[in-house]
Amino acid sequence: MIFKFYLHINYQQFLDYYQGHANKVEVVEQGGKTLLIHARHFRPFLTSAGLSGQFQLTLDTSGQFQSLVRLA
């Protein structure tokens, strides 16, 4: 299963996730489904400006995480 979504979280907002105060990032994918994605998967994409761009989440057939990539 593949889900695409846009995300913009500034650095200060992401600190709650990074520091472990919150562990899931809620996003709405392009088809309208709400997804909860563990924040650790976003850490490679975090910059001093925060997180921004279009992302693609891939899950296996049982719904388990496979990959998260930034598309733009």
PDB file of N, CA and C in Angstrom:
ATOM      1  N   MET A   1       0.845  -1.177   0.000  1.00  0.00           N
ATOM      2  CA  MET A   1       0.000   0.000   0.000  1.00  0.00           C
ATOM      3  C   MET A   1       0.889   1.238   0.000  1.00  0.00           C
ATOM      4  N   ILE A   2       0.528   2.186  -0.820  1.00  0.00           N
ATOM      5  CA  ILE A   2       1.310   3.418  -0.929  1.00  0.00           C
ATOM      6  C   ILE A   2       0.403   4.610  -0.636  1.00  0.00           C
ATOM      7  N   PHE A   3       0.882   5.498   0.220  1.00  0.00           N
ATOM      8  CA  PHE A   3       0.149   6.702   0.594  1.00  0.00           C
ATOM      9  C   PHE A   3       1.053   7.905   0.369  1.00  0.00           C
ATOM     10  N   LYS A   4       0.510   8.944  -0.235  1.00  0.00           N
ATOM     11  CA  LYS A   4       1.253  10.191  -0.440  1.00  0.00           C
ATOM     12  C   LYS A   4       0.577  11.308   0.331  1.00  0.00           C
ATOM     13  N   PHE A   5       1.390  12.192   0.896  1.00  0.00           N
ATOM     14  CA  PHE A   5       0.856  13.301   1.679  1.00  0.00           C
ATOM     15  C   PHE A   5       1.872  14.427   1.732  1.00  0.00           C
ATOM     16  N   TYR A   6       1.373  15.611   2.004  1.00  0.00           N
ATOM     17  CA  TYR A   6       2.214  16.791   2.227  1.00  0.00           C
ATOM     18  C   TYR A   6       2.306  17.025   3.724  1.00  0.00           C
ATOM     19  N   LEU A   7       3.443  17.503   4.144  1.00  0.00           N
ATOM     20  CA  LEU A   7       3.652  17.746   5.564  1.00  0.00           C
ATOM     21  C   LEU A   7       4.502  18.991   5.744  1.00  0.00           C
ATOM     22  N   HIS A   8       4.099  19.820   6.670  1.00  0.00           N
ATOM     23  CA  HIS A   8       4.922  20.964   7.064  1.00  0.00           C
ATOM     24  C   HIS A   8       4.822  21.104   8.576  1.00  0.00           C
ATOM     25  N   ILE A   9       5.933  20.879   9.242  1.00  0.00           N
ATOM     26  CA  ILE A   9       6.036  21.045  10.694  1.00  0.00           C
ATOM     27  C   ILE A   9       7.320  21.821  10.935  1.00  0.00           C
ATOM     28  N   ASN A  10       7.229  22.956  11.610  1.00  0.00           N
ATOM     29  CA  ASN A  10       8.464  23.693  11.867  1.00  0.00           C
ATOM     30  C   ASN A  10       9.300  22.972  12.930  1.00  0.00           C
ATOM     31  N   TYR A  11      10.546  23.350  13.031  1.00  0.00           N
ATOM     32  CA  TYR A  11      11.482  22.672  13.924  1.00  0.00           C
ATOM     33  C   TYR A  11      10.987  22.670  15.363  1.00  0.00           C
ATOM     34  N   GLN A  12      10.493  23.795  15.817  1.00  0.00           N
ATOM     35  CA  GLN A  12      10.017  23.908  17.199  1.00  0.00           C
ATOM     36  C   GLN A  12       8.857  22.947  17.471  1.00  0.00           C
ATOM     37  N   GLN A  13       7.925  22.825  16.515  1.00  0.00           N
ATOM     38  CA  GLN A  13       6.797  21.908  16.667  1.00  0.00           C
ATOM     39  C   GLN A  13       7.274  20.454  16.706  1.00  0.00           C
ATOM     40  N   PHE A  14       8.280  20.135  15.929  1.00  0.00           N
ATOM     41  CA  PHE A  14       8.747  18.754  15.879  1.00  0.00           C
ATOM     42  C   PHE A  14       9.527  18.357  17.123  1.00  0.00           C
ATOM     43  N   LEU A  15       9.987  19.312  17.921  1.00  0.00           N
ATOM     44  CA  LEU A  15      10.748  18.977  19.128  1.00  0.00           C
ATOM     45  C   LEU A  15       9.971  18.054  20.065  1.00  0.00           C
ATOM     46  N   ASP A  16       8.662  18.219  20.175  1.00  0.00           N
ATOM     47  CA  ASP A  16       7.866  17.327  21.025  1.00  0.00           C
ATOM     48  C   ASP A  16       8.012  15.877  20.569  1.00  0.00           C
ATOM     49  N   TYR A  17       8.029  15.665  19.262  1.00  0.00           N
ATOM     50  CA  TYR A  17       8.200  14.312  18.737  1.00  0.00           C
ATOM     51  C   TYR A  17       9.633  13.840  18.947  1.00  0.00           C
ATOM     52  N   TYR A  18      10.577  14.699  18.634  1.00  0.00           N
ATOM     53  CA  TYR A  18      11.990  14.350  18.700  1.00  0.00           C
ATOM     54  C   TYR A  18      12.407  14.017  20.131  1.00  0.00           C
ATOM     55  N   GLN A  19      11.854  14.734  21.091  1.00  0.00           N
ATOM     56  CA  GLN A  19      12.210  14.524  22.491  1.00  0.00           C
ATOM     57  C   GLN A  19      11.388  13.422  23.148  1.00  0.00           C
ATOM     58  N   GLY A  20      10.459  12.827  22.399  1.00  0.00           N
ATOM     59  CA  GLY A  20       9.693  11.707  22.924  1.00  0.00           C
ATOM     60  C   GLY A  20       8.430  12.079  23.664  1.00  0.00           C
ATOM     61  N   HIS A  21       8.051  13.358  23.683  1.00  0.00           N
ATOM     62  CA  HIS A  21       6.824  13.773  24.358  1.00  0.00           C
ATOM     63  C   HIS A  21       5.594  13.331  23.586  1.00  0.00           C
ATOM     64  N   ALA A  22       5.744  13.179  22.300  1.00  0.00           N
ATOM     65  CA  ALA A  22       4.694  12.662  21.425  1.00  0.00           C
ATOM     66  C   ALA A  22       5.394  11.682  20.489  1.00  0.00           C
ATOM     67  N   ASN A  23       4.719  10.597  20.124  1.00  0.00           N
ATOM     68  CA  ASN A  23       5.426   9.626  19.293  1.00  0.00           C
ATOM     69  C   ASN A  23       4.796   9.369  17.927  1.00  0.00           C
ATOM     70  N   LYS A  24       3.618   9.889  17.675  1.00  0.00           N
ATOM     71  CA  LYS A  24       2.970   9.680  16.381  1.00  0.00           C
ATOM     72  C   LYS A  24       2.677  11.015  15.714  1.00  0.00           C
ATOM     73  N   VAL A  25       2.930  11.070  14.416  1.00  0.00           N
ATOM     74  CA  VAL A  25       2.614  12.235  13.607  1.00  0.00           C
ATOM     75  C   VAL A  25       1.350  11.906  12.832  1.00  0.00           C
ATOM     76  N   GLU A  26       0.336  12.747  12.952  1.00  0.00           N
ATOM     77  CA  GLU A  26      -0.923  12.533  12.248  1.00  0.00           C
ATOM     78  C   GLU A  26      -0.894  13.297  10.932  1.00  0.00           C
ATOM     79  N   VAL A  27      -1.152  12.587   9.841  1.00  0.00           N
ATOM     80  CA  VAL A  27      -1.188  13.204   8.517  1.00  0.00           C
ATOM     81  C   VAL A  27      -2.455  12.744   7.805  1.00  0.00           C
ATOM     82  N   VAL A  28      -2.880  13.529   6.830  1.00  0.00           N
ATOM     83  CA  VAL A  28      -3.998  13.137   5.969  1.00  0.00           C
ATOM     84  C   VAL A  28      -3.432  12.911   4.584  1.00  0.00           C
ATOM     85  N   GLU A  29      -3.552  11.680   4.089  1.00  0.00           N
ATOM     86  CA  GLU A  29      -2.994  11.370   2.783  1.00  0.00           C
ATOM     87  C   GLU A  29      -3.911  11.897   1.690  1.00  0.00           C
ATOM     88  N   GLN A  30      -3.420  11.899   0.469  1.00  0.00           N
ATOM     89  CA  GLN A  30      -4.123  12.547  -0.636  1.00  0.00           C
ATOM     90  C   GLN A  30      -5.504  11.970  -0.903  1.00  0.00           C
ATOM     91  N   GLY A  31      -5.756  10.730  -0.508  1.00  0.00           N
ATOM     92  CA  GLY A  31      -7.073  10.124  -0.676  1.00  0.00           C
ATOM     93  C   GLY A  31      -8.038  10.449   0.447  1.00  0.00           C
ATOM     94  N   GLY A  32      -7.564  11.185   1.479  1.00  0.00           N
ATOM     95  CA  GLY A  32      -8.418  11.609   2.579  1.00  0.00           C
ATOM     96  C   GLY A  32      -8.321  10.771   3.838  1.00  0.00           C
ATOM     97  N   LYS A  33      -7.525   9.705   3.829  1.00  0.00           N
ATOM     98  CA  LYS A  33      -7.374   8.859   5.017  1.00  0.00           C
ATOM     99  C   LYS A  33      -6.413   9.518   5.999  1.00  0.00           C
ATOM    100  N   THR A  34      -6.735   9.410   7.278  1.00  0.00           N
ATOM    101  CA  THR A  34      -5.857   9.897   8.338  1.00  0.00           C
ATOM    102  C   THR A  34      -4.910   8.775   8.732  1.00  0.00           C
ATOM    103  N   LEU A  35      -3.632   9.085   8.764  1.00  0.00           N
ATOM    104  CA  LEU A  35      -2.608   8.108   9.116  1.00  0.00           C
ATOM    105  C   LEU A  35      -1.843   8.592  10.340  1.00  0.00           C
ATOM    106  N   LEU A  36      -1.482   7.667  11.205  1.00  0.00           N
ATOM    107  CA  LEU A  36      -0.601   7.951  12.339  1.00  0.00           C
ATOM    108  C   LEU A  36       0.718   7.252  12.066  1.00  0.00           C
ATOM    109  N   ILE A  37       1.778   8.039  11.953  1.00  0.00           N
ATOM    110  CA  ILE A  37       3.091   7.508  11.590  1.00  0.00           C
ATOM    111  C   ILE A  37       4.056   7.797  12.727  1.00  0.00           C
ATOM    112  N   HIS A  38       4.789   6.778  13.138  1.00  0.00           N
ATOM    113  CA  HIS A  38       5.734   6.965  14.240  1.00  0.00           C
ATOM    114  C   HIS A  38       6.746   8.047  13.865  1.00  0.00           C
ATOM    115  N   ALA A  39       6.989   8.961  14.775  1.00  0.00           N
ATOM    116  CA  ALA A  39       7.849  10.121  14.520  1.00  0.00           C
ATOM    117  C   ALA A  39       9.277   9.733  14.171  1.00  0.00           C
ATOM    118  N   ARG A  40       9.753   8.608  14.657  1.00  0.00           N
ATOM    119  CA  ARG A  40      11.144   8.211  14.376  1.00  0.00           C
ATOM    120  C   ARG A  40      11.406   8.066  12.879  1.00  0.00           C
ATOM    121  N   HIS A  41      10.362   7.764  12.099  1.00  0.00           N
ATOM    122  CA  HIS A  41      10.539   7.594  10.660  1.00  0.00           C
ATOM    123  C   HIS A  41      10.817   8.924   9.954  1.00  0.00           C
ATOM    124  N   PHE A  42      10.479  10.037  10.606  1.00  0.00           N
ATOM    125  CA  PHE A  42      10.690  11.354  10.009  1.00  0.00           C
ATOM    126  C   PHE A  42      12.044  11.966  10.360  1.00  0.00           C
ATOM    127  N   ARG A  43      12.738  11.428  11.327  1.00  0.00           N
ATOM    128  CA  ARG A  43      13.990  12.028  11.800  1.00  0.00           C
ATOM    129  C   ARG A  43      15.029  12.250  10.705  1.00  0.00           C
ATOM    130  N   PRO A  44      15.184  11.329   9.739  1.00  0.00           N
ATOM    131  CA  PRO A  44      16.188  11.593   8.696  1.00  0.00           C
ATOM    132  C   PRO A  44      15.887  12.827   7.836  1.00  0.00           C
ATOM    133  N   PHE A  45      14.653  13.275   7.855  1.00  0.00           N
ATOM    134  CA  PHE A  45      14.239  14.393   7.004  1.00  0.00           C
ATOM    135  C   PHE A  45      14.196  15.727   7.755  1.00  0.00           C
ATOM    136  N   LEU A  46      14.474  15.715   9.043  1.00  0.00           N
ATOM    137  CA  LEU A  46      14.395  16.920   9.864  1.00  0.00           C
ATOM    138  C   LEU A  46      15.585  17.834   9.589  1.00  0.00           C
ATOM    139  N   THR A  47      15.304  19.097   9.339  1.00  0.00           N
ATOM    140  CA  THR A  47      16.349  20.108   9.156  1.00  0.00           C
ATOM    141  C   THR A  47      16.118  21.205  10.192  1.00  0.00           C
ATOM    142  N   SER A  48      16.960  22.201  10.190  1.00  0.00           N
ATOM    143  CA  SER A  48      16.786  23.317  11.125  1.00  0.00           C
ATOM    144  C   SER A  48      15.500  24.092  10.833  1.00  0.00           C
ATOM    145  N   ALA A  49      14.949  23.932   9.637  1.00  0.00           N
ATOM    146  CA  ALA A  49      13.673  24.567   9.286  1.00  0.00           C
ATOM    147  C   ALA A  49      12.482  23.693   9.660  1.00  0.00           C
ATOM    148  N   GLY A  50      12.729  22.440  10.001  1.00  0.00           N
ATOM    149  CA  GLY A  50      11.655  21.512  10.360  1.00  0.00           C
ATOM    150  C   GLY A  50      11.497  20.440   9.302  1.00  0.00           C
ATOM    151  N   LEU A  51      10.262  20.026   9.085  1.00  0.00           N
ATOM    152  CA  LEU A  51       9.929  19.024   8.066  1.00  0.00           C
ATOM    153  C   LEU A  51       9.009  19.661   7.054  1.00  0.00           C
ATOM    154  N   SER A  52       9.324  19.493   5.796  1.00  0.00           N
ATOM    155  CA  SER A  52       8.471  20.087   4.788  1.00  0.00           C
ATOM    156  C   SER A  52       8.606  19.314   3.493  1.00  0.00           C
ATOM    157  N   GLY A  53       7.480  19.097   2.812  1.00  0.00           N
ATOM    158  CA  GLY A  53       7.527  18.473   1.503  1.00  0.00           C
ATOM    159  C   GLY A  53       6.436  17.453   1.316  1.00  0.00           C
ATOM    160  N   GLN A  54       6.529  16.765   0.183  1.00  0.00           N
ATOM    161  CA  GLN A  54       5.609  15.676  -0.107  1.00  0.00           C
ATOM    162  C   GLN A  54       6.330  14.375   0.228  1.00  0.00           C
ATOM    163  N   PHE A  55       5.626  13.481   0.889  1.00  0.00           N
ATOM    164  CA  PHE A  55       6.204  12.221   1.328  1.00  0.00           C
ATOM    165  C   PHE A  55       5.391  11.061   0.787  1.00  0.00           C
ATOM    166  N   GLN A  56       6.057   9.913   0.692  1.00  0.00           N
ATOM    167  CA  GLN A  56       5.378   8.689   0.297  1.00  0.00           C
ATOM    168  C   GLN A  56       5.664   7.626   1.344  1.00  0.00           C
ATOM    169  N   LEU A  57       4.602   7.080   1.908  1.00  0.00           N
ATOM    170  CA  LEU A  57       4.683   6.008   2.898  1.00  0.00           C
ATOM    171  C   LEU A  57       4.301   4.708   2.216  1.00  0.00           C
ATOM    172  N   THR A  58       5.124   3.695   2.381  1.00  0.00           N
ATOM    173  CA  THR A  58       4.822   2.375   1.832  1.00  0.00           C
ATOM    174  C   THR A  58       4.662   1.391   2.984  1.00  0.00           C
ATOM    175  N   LEU A  59       3.551   0.654   2.960  1.00  0.00           N
ATOM    176  CA  LEU A  59       3.262  -0.382   3.942  1.00  0.00           C
ATOM    177  C   LEU A  59       3.192  -1.728   3.230  1.00  0.00           C
ATOM    178  N   ASP A  60       3.506  -2.806   3.955  1.00  0.00           N
ATOM    179  CA  ASP A  60       3.366  -4.126   3.349  1.00  0.00           C
ATOM    180  C   ASP A  60       1.902  -4.553   3.382  1.00  0.00           C
ATOM    181  N   THR A  61       1.601  -5.743   2.921  1.00  0.00           N
ATOM    182  CA  THR A  61       0.213  -6.196   2.809  1.00  0.00           C
ATOM    183  C   THR A  61      -0.470  -6.363   4.161  1.00  0.00           C
ATOM    184  N   SER A  62       0.312  -6.485   5.238  1.00  0.00           N
ATOM    185  CA  SER A  62      -0.287  -6.582   6.569  1.00  0.00           C
ATOM    186  C   SER A  62      -0.355  -5.238   7.279  1.00  0.00           C
ATOM    187  N   GLY A  63       0.028  -4.160   6.568  1.00  0.00           N
ATOM    188  CA  GLY A  63      -0.061  -2.816   7.131  1.00  0.00           C
ATOM    189  C   GLY A  63       1.158  -2.381   7.924  1.00  0.00           C
ATOM    190  N   GLN A  64       2.239  -3.137   7.826  1.00  0.00           N
ATOM    191  CA  GLN A  64       3.450  -2.792   8.564  1.00  0.00           C
ATOM    192  C   GLN A  64       4.323  -1.859   7.728  1.00  0.00           C
ATOM    193  N   PHE A  65       5.015  -0.962   8.412  1.00  0.00           N
ATOM    194  CA  PHE A  65       5.892   0.027   7.781  1.00  0.00           C
ATOM    195  C   PHE A  65       6.945  -0.660   6.922  1.00  0.00           C
ATOM    196  N   GLN A  66       7.146  -0.133   5.700  1.00  0.00           N
ATOM    197  CA  GLN A  66       8.244  -0.562   4.851  1.00  0.00           C
ATOM    198  C   GLN A  66       9.207   0.581   4.590  1.00  0.00           C
ATOM    199  N   SER A  67       8.654   1.742   4.169  1.00  0.00           N
ATOM    200  CA  SER A  67       9.561   2.852   3.879  1.00  0.00           C
ATOM    201  C   SER A  67       8.807   4.187   3.906  1.00  0.00           C
ATOM    202  N   LEU A  68       9.587   5.232   4.101  1.00  0.00           N
ATOM    203  CA  LEU A  68       9.080   6.600   4.013  1.00  0.00           C
ATOM    204  C   LEU A  68      10.141   7.377   3.248  1.00  0.00           C
ATOM    205  N   VAL A  69       9.725   8.017   2.161  1.00  0.00           N
ATOM    206  CA  VAL A  69      10.649   8.821   1.363  1.00  0.00           C
ATOM    207  C   VAL A  69      10.050  10.185   1.105  1.00  0.00           C
ATOM    208  N   ARG A  70      10.914  11.191   0.998  1.00  0.00           N
ATOM    209  CA  ARG A  70      10.468  12.529   0.622  1.00  0.00           C
ATOM    210  C   ARG A  70      10.520  12.620  -0.899  1.00  0.00           C
ATOM    211  N   LEU A  71       9.412  13.022  -1.502  1.00  0.00           N
ATOM    212  CA  LEU A  71       9.327  13.126  -2.948  1.00  0.00           C
ATOM    213  C   LEU A  71       9.702  14.505  -3.446  1.00  0.00           C
ATOM    214  N   ALA A  72       9.350  15.526  -2.697  1.00  0.00           N
ATOM    215  CA  ALA A  72       9.641  16.897  -3.137  1.00  0.00           C
ATOM    216  C   ALA A  72       9.731  17.797  -1.925  1.00  0.00           C
TER     217      ALA A  72
END
